[in-house]
Amino acid sequence: MWSKEKIQSVIQGALAGAQITVTDLTGTSDHFQVLIVTDEFEGLSSIQRHRKVYDILGSDVGGAIHALSLKTYTHQQWKKIHEEVQNHG
């Protein structure tokens, strides 16, 4: 069984220094939303970023992890999002 902490730990082990936030969307430990901010995503398309995370989590994606929503950003993209929110909020 996967937990928020296990997902965070596994991803952190593969993407050292990444900022990771994991949310259990249903409380049943099989539907998760994961926000990852790392410069290791630099130059990768959204699909490539998601595949990288799927590879990290392994074959449990689509099995024990029934649903996985990913938000993947570089630090520069994340900073820009926060600046836009502050300027329009």
N, C-alpha and C. Protein backbone atom coordinates (compact mmCIF):
# COMPACT_ATOMS: atom_id res chain seq x y z
N MET A 1 0.84 -1.19 0.00
CA MET A 1 0.00 0.00 0.00
C MET A 1 0.88 1.25 0.00
N TRP A 2 0.46 2.24 -0.72
CA TRP A 2 1.19 3.49 -0.81
C TRP A 2 0.58 4.52 0.15
N SER A 3 1.43 5.37 0.65
CA SER A 3 1.00 6.49 1.49
C SER A 3 1.58 7.76 0.91
N LYS A 4 1.09 8.88 1.37
CA LYS A 4 1.66 10.17 0.94
C LYS A 4 3.15 10.21 1.23
N GLU A 5 3.52 9.74 2.41
CA GLU A 5 4.92 9.78 2.83
C GLU A 5 5.79 8.87 1.97
N LYS A 6 5.26 7.70 1.62
CA LYS A 6 6.04 6.77 0.79
C LYS A 6 6.25 7.35 -0.61
N ILE A 7 5.21 7.92 -1.19
CA ILE A 7 5.34 8.52 -2.52
C ILE A 7 6.37 9.64 -2.47
N GLN A 8 6.27 10.50 -1.46
CA GLN A 8 7.22 11.60 -1.34
C GLN A 8 8.65 11.08 -1.19
N SER A 9 8.83 10.07 -0.37
CA SER A 9 10.16 9.51 -0.13
C SER A 9 10.76 8.89 -1.39
N VAL A 10 9.96 8.14 -2.12
CA VAL A 10 10.45 7.48 -3.34
C VAL A 10 10.85 8.53 -4.39
N ILE A 11 10.00 9.53 -4.58
CA ILE A 11 10.31 10.57 -5.56
C ILE A 11 11.53 11.37 -5.11
N GLN A 12 11.59 11.71 -3.82
CA GLN A 12 12.72 12.47 -3.28
C GLN A 12 14.03 11.70 -3.48
N GLY A 13 13.98 10.39 -3.34
CA GLY A 13 15.16 9.57 -3.54
C GLY A 13 15.68 9.62 -4.97
N ALA A 14 14.78 9.81 -5.91
CA ALA A 14 15.17 9.85 -7.33
C ALA A 14 15.44 11.26 -7.82
N LEU A 15 14.80 12.25 -7.21
CA LEU A 15 14.94 13.65 -7.63
C LEU A 15 15.42 14.46 -6.43
N ALA A 16 16.66 14.26 -6.05
CA ALA A 16 17.22 14.91 -4.86
C ALA A 16 17.04 16.43 -4.95
N GLY A 17 16.59 17.00 -3.86
CA GLY A 17 16.42 18.45 -3.79
C GLY A 17 15.09 18.96 -4.33
N ALA A 18 14.26 18.06 -4.83
CA ALA A 18 12.96 18.48 -5.37
C ALA A 18 12.03 18.89 -4.24
N GLN A 19 11.17 19.87 -4.52
CA GLN A 19 10.08 20.23 -3.62
C GLN A 19 8.91 19.35 -4.02
N ILE A 20 8.36 18.61 -3.06
CA ILE A 20 7.30 17.65 -3.38
C ILE A 20 6.16 17.80 -2.37
N THR A 21 4.95 17.92 -2.89
CA THR A 21 3.76 17.94 -2.05
C THR A 21 2.83 16.85 -2.54
N VAL A 22 2.45 15.94 -1.66
CA VAL A 22 1.56 14.84 -2.02
C VAL A 22 0.25 14.99 -1.25
N THR A 23 -0.86 14.87 -1.98
CA THR A 23 -2.18 14.94 -1.37
C THR A 23 -2.94 13.66 -1.68
N ASP A 24 -3.48 13.03 -0.65
CA ASP A 24 -4.35 11.87 -0.82
C ASP A 24 -5.74 12.43 -1.09
N LEU A 25 -6.21 12.31 -2.31
CA LEU A 25 -7.44 12.97 -2.73
C LEU A 25 -8.71 12.36 -2.15
N THR A 26 -8.66 11.08 -1.77
CA THR A 26 -9.88 10.42 -1.32
C THR A 26 -9.79 9.85 0.09
N GLY A 27 -8.58 9.82 0.64
CA GLY A 27 -8.38 9.22 1.96
C GLY A 27 -8.29 7.71 1.91
N THR A 28 -8.22 7.15 0.71
CA THR A 28 -8.17 5.69 0.55
C THR A 28 -6.79 5.19 0.11
N SER A 29 -5.81 6.08 0.07
CA SER A 29 -4.43 5.73 -0.30
C SER A 29 -4.30 5.10 -1.68
N ASP A 30 -5.14 5.54 -2.61
CA ASP A 30 -4.97 5.06 -3.99
C ASP A 30 -5.24 6.14 -5.04
N HIS A 31 -5.64 7.33 -4.61
CA HIS A 31 -5.85 8.48 -5.49
C HIS A 31 -5.01 9.64 -4.95
N PHE A 32 -3.98 10.02 -5.70
CA PHE A 32 -3.06 11.04 -5.21
C PHE A 32 -2.87 12.16 -6.21
N GLN A 33 -2.60 13.34 -5.67
CA GLN A 33 -2.14 14.47 -6.46
C GLN A 33 -0.73 14.78 -5.97
N VAL A 34 0.20 14.93 -6.91
CA VAL A 34 1.58 15.18 -6.56
C VAL A 34 2.07 16.42 -7.30
N LEU A 35 2.59 17.37 -6.52
CA LEU A 35 3.21 18.58 -7.06
C LEU A 35 4.71 18.41 -6.89
N ILE A 36 5.46 18.54 -7.99
CA ILE A 36 6.91 18.39 -7.94
C ILE A 36 7.54 19.60 -8.61
N VAL A 37 8.48 20.22 -7.89
CA VAL A 37 9.24 21.35 -8.44
C VAL A 37 10.72 20.96 -8.38
N THR A 38 11.32 20.82 -9.55
CA THR A 38 12.74 20.47 -9.64
C THR A 38 13.30 20.94 -10.98
N ASP A 39 14.54 21.33 -10.96
CA ASP A 39 15.18 21.74 -12.20
C ASP A 39 15.56 20.55 -13.07
N GLU A 40 15.38 19.33 -12.57
CA GLU A 40 15.60 18.15 -13.40
C GLU A 40 14.56 18.05 -14.51
N PHE A 41 13.49 18.84 -14.43
CA PHE A 41 12.47 18.86 -15.48
C PHE A 41 12.81 19.86 -16.59
N GLU A 42 13.88 20.62 -16.42
CA GLU A 42 14.28 21.62 -17.41
C GLU A 42 14.47 20.96 -18.78
N GLY A 43 13.82 21.53 -19.79
CA GLY A 43 13.96 21.03 -21.15
C GLY A 43 13.08 19.84 -21.49
N LEU A 44 12.32 19.35 -20.52
CA LEU A 44 11.43 18.20 -20.77
C LEU A 44 10.01 18.69 -21.00
N SER A 45 9.31 18.04 -21.91
CA SER A 45 7.89 18.35 -22.12
C SER A 45 7.10 17.82 -20.93
N SER A 46 5.85 18.23 -20.85
CA SER A 46 4.98 17.76 -19.78
C SER A 46 4.86 16.23 -19.80
N ILE A 47 4.72 15.66 -20.98
CA ILE A 47 4.61 14.21 -21.10
C ILE A 47 5.89 13.53 -20.63
N GLN A 48 7.05 14.07 -21.00
CA GLN A 48 8.33 13.50 -20.56
C GLN A 48 8.48 13.58 -19.05
N ARG A 49 8.04 14.67 -18.46
CA ARG A 49 8.10 14.83 -17.01
C ARG A 49 7.24 13.78 -16.32
N HIS A 50 6.03 13.60 -16.84
CA HIS A 50 5.11 12.63 -16.23
C HIS A 50 5.65 11.21 -16.37
N ARG A 51 6.21 10.89 -17.53
CA ARG A 51 6.78 9.55 -17.72
C ARG A 51 7.93 9.32 -16.75
N LYS A 52 8.71 10.36 -16.50
CA LYS A 52 9.82 10.24 -15.56
C LYS A 52 9.30 9.88 -14.17
N VAL A 53 8.22 10.54 -13.75
CA VAL A 53 7.64 10.26 -12.44
C VAL A 53 7.02 8.86 -12.42
N TYR A 54 6.32 8.47 -13.49
CA TYR A 54 5.76 7.12 -13.57
C TYR A 54 6.87 6.07 -13.44
N ASP A 55 7.99 6.31 -14.11
CA ASP A 55 9.12 5.38 -14.03
C ASP A 55 9.66 5.28 -12.61
N ILE A 56 9.69 6.41 -11.92
CA ILE A 56 10.17 6.43 -10.54
C ILE A 56 9.25 5.60 -9.64
N LEU A 57 7.95 5.74 -9.81
CA LEU A 57 6.98 5.05 -8.95
C LEU A 57 6.76 3.60 -9.37
N GLY A 58 7.09 3.28 -10.60
CA GLY A 58 7.06 1.89 -11.04
C GLY A 58 5.69 1.39 -11.44
N SER A 59 5.57 0.09 -11.44
CA SER A 59 4.39 -0.57 -11.99
C SER A 59 3.13 -0.41 -11.13
N ASP A 60 3.26 0.16 -9.94
CA ASP A 60 2.08 0.37 -9.10
C ASP A 60 1.18 1.49 -9.62
N VAL A 61 1.72 2.34 -10.51
CA VAL A 61 0.88 3.39 -11.10
C VAL A 61 -0.13 2.69 -12.02
N GLY A 62 -1.39 2.92 -11.74
CA GLY A 62 -2.46 2.24 -12.48
C GLY A 62 -2.91 0.97 -11.76
N GLY A 63 -2.18 0.57 -10.73
CA GLY A 63 -2.55 -0.59 -9.92
C GLY A 63 -2.87 -0.13 -8.52
N ALA A 64 -1.91 -0.31 -7.60
CA ALA A 64 -2.11 0.13 -6.21
C ALA A 64 -2.33 1.64 -6.14
N ILE A 65 -1.65 2.37 -7.01
CA ILE A 65 -1.92 3.80 -7.15
C ILE A 65 -2.91 3.91 -8.31
N HIS A 66 -4.17 3.90 -7.98
CA HIS A 66 -5.23 3.84 -9.00
C HIS A 66 -5.28 5.11 -9.85
N ALA A 67 -5.13 6.27 -9.21
CA ALA A 67 -5.19 7.54 -9.92
C ALA A 67 -4.06 8.44 -9.43
N LEU A 68 -3.38 9.07 -10.37
CA LEU A 68 -2.25 9.93 -10.04
C LEU A 68 -2.33 11.20 -10.87
N SER A 69 -2.54 12.32 -10.21
CA SER A 69 -2.57 13.62 -10.86
C SER A 69 -1.22 14.28 -10.59
N LEU A 70 -0.53 14.68 -11.66
CA LEU A 70 0.80 15.27 -11.51
C LEU A 70 0.81 16.72 -11.96
N LYS A 71 1.50 17.54 -11.17
CA LYS A 71 1.80 18.92 -11.53
C LYS A 71 3.31 19.03 -11.42
N THR A 72 3.97 19.27 -12.55
CA THR A 72 5.43 19.23 -12.59
C THR A 72 5.97 20.55 -13.13
N TYR A 73 6.88 21.16 -12.37
CA TYR A 73 7.42 22.47 -12.74
C TYR A 73 8.92 22.53 -12.46
N THR A 74 9.59 23.41 -13.20
CA THR A 74 10.95 23.78 -12.83
C THR A 74 10.83 24.88 -11.78
N HIS A 75 11.94 25.19 -11.11
CA HIS A 75 11.89 26.27 -10.12
C HIS A 75 11.51 27.61 -10.76
N GLN A 76 12.01 27.86 -11.96
CA GLN A 76 11.69 29.11 -12.65
C GLN A 76 10.19 29.19 -12.96
N GLN A 77 9.60 28.11 -13.44
CA GLN A 77 8.17 28.09 -13.73
C GLN A 77 7.36 28.30 -12.46
N TRP A 78 7.76 27.66 -11.38
CA TRP A 78 7.05 27.77 -10.10
C TRP A 78 7.12 29.19 -9.57
N LYS A 79 8.29 29.81 -9.69
CA LYS A 79 8.46 31.20 -9.25
C LYS A 79 7.54 32.12 -10.06
N LYS A 80 7.46 31.90 -11.36
CA LYS A 80 6.62 32.72 -12.23
C LYS A 80 5.15 32.59 -11.85
N ILE A 81 4.71 31.38 -11.55
CA ILE A 81 3.32 31.15 -11.14
C ILE A 81 3.02 31.93 -9.87
N HIS A 82 3.92 31.88 -8.90
CA HIS A 82 3.71 32.59 -7.64
C HIS A 82 3.71 34.11 -7.84
N GLU A 83 4.55 34.60 -8.72
CA GLU A 83 4.57 36.03 -9.01
C GLU A 83 3.26 36.47 -9.65
N GLU A 84 2.74 35.66 -10.57
CA GLU A 84 1.47 35.99 -11.22
C GLU A 84 0.31 35.99 -10.23
N VAL A 85 0.32 35.04 -9.32
CA VAL A 85 -0.74 34.96 -8.30
C VAL A 85 -0.67 36.19 -7.40
N GLN A 86 0.52 36.59 -7.00
CA GLN A 86 0.67 37.77 -6.13
C GLN A 86 0.26 39.04 -6.86
N ASN A 87 0.55 39.14 -8.14
CA ASN A 87 0.21 40.34 -8.90
C ASN A 87 -1.28 40.43 -9.24
N HIS A 88 -1.96 39.30 -9.26
CA HIS A 88 -3.38 39.30 -9.62
C HIS A 88 -4.29 38.93 -8.44
N GLY A 89 -3.67 38.63 -7.31
CA GLY A 89 -4.46 38.20 -6.17
C GLY A 89 -4.86 39.34 -5.33
